[in-house]
């Protein structure tokens, strides 16, 4: 179910949420995480990515009720940009 226009989210806001959550999980400065960074370059292992998914599902629930990232889809996400694009598509952000 798509979010209503009153709670719409911009692509940059998605990036900021992902960057903030990832920085907290990896215990690093959010400013050091660029849009083009790969999870491998950041040192994010599979456990860190699972933590990121859980954090994103919680953080984005206010924009789309029941927001969920499928386990199969997680395998295709290799970078911060991939994650932003995936979330934007799921939330139907232009």
Foldseek 3Di string as FASTA:
>chain_A
DAFDPVQDDALVVLLVQLLVQLCVLLVHDSVVADQFAWCVNSVNDPVSLVSSQVSCQVVCCVGPPPDHDDPVVSVVGGGSNSVSVVVCVVNVHD
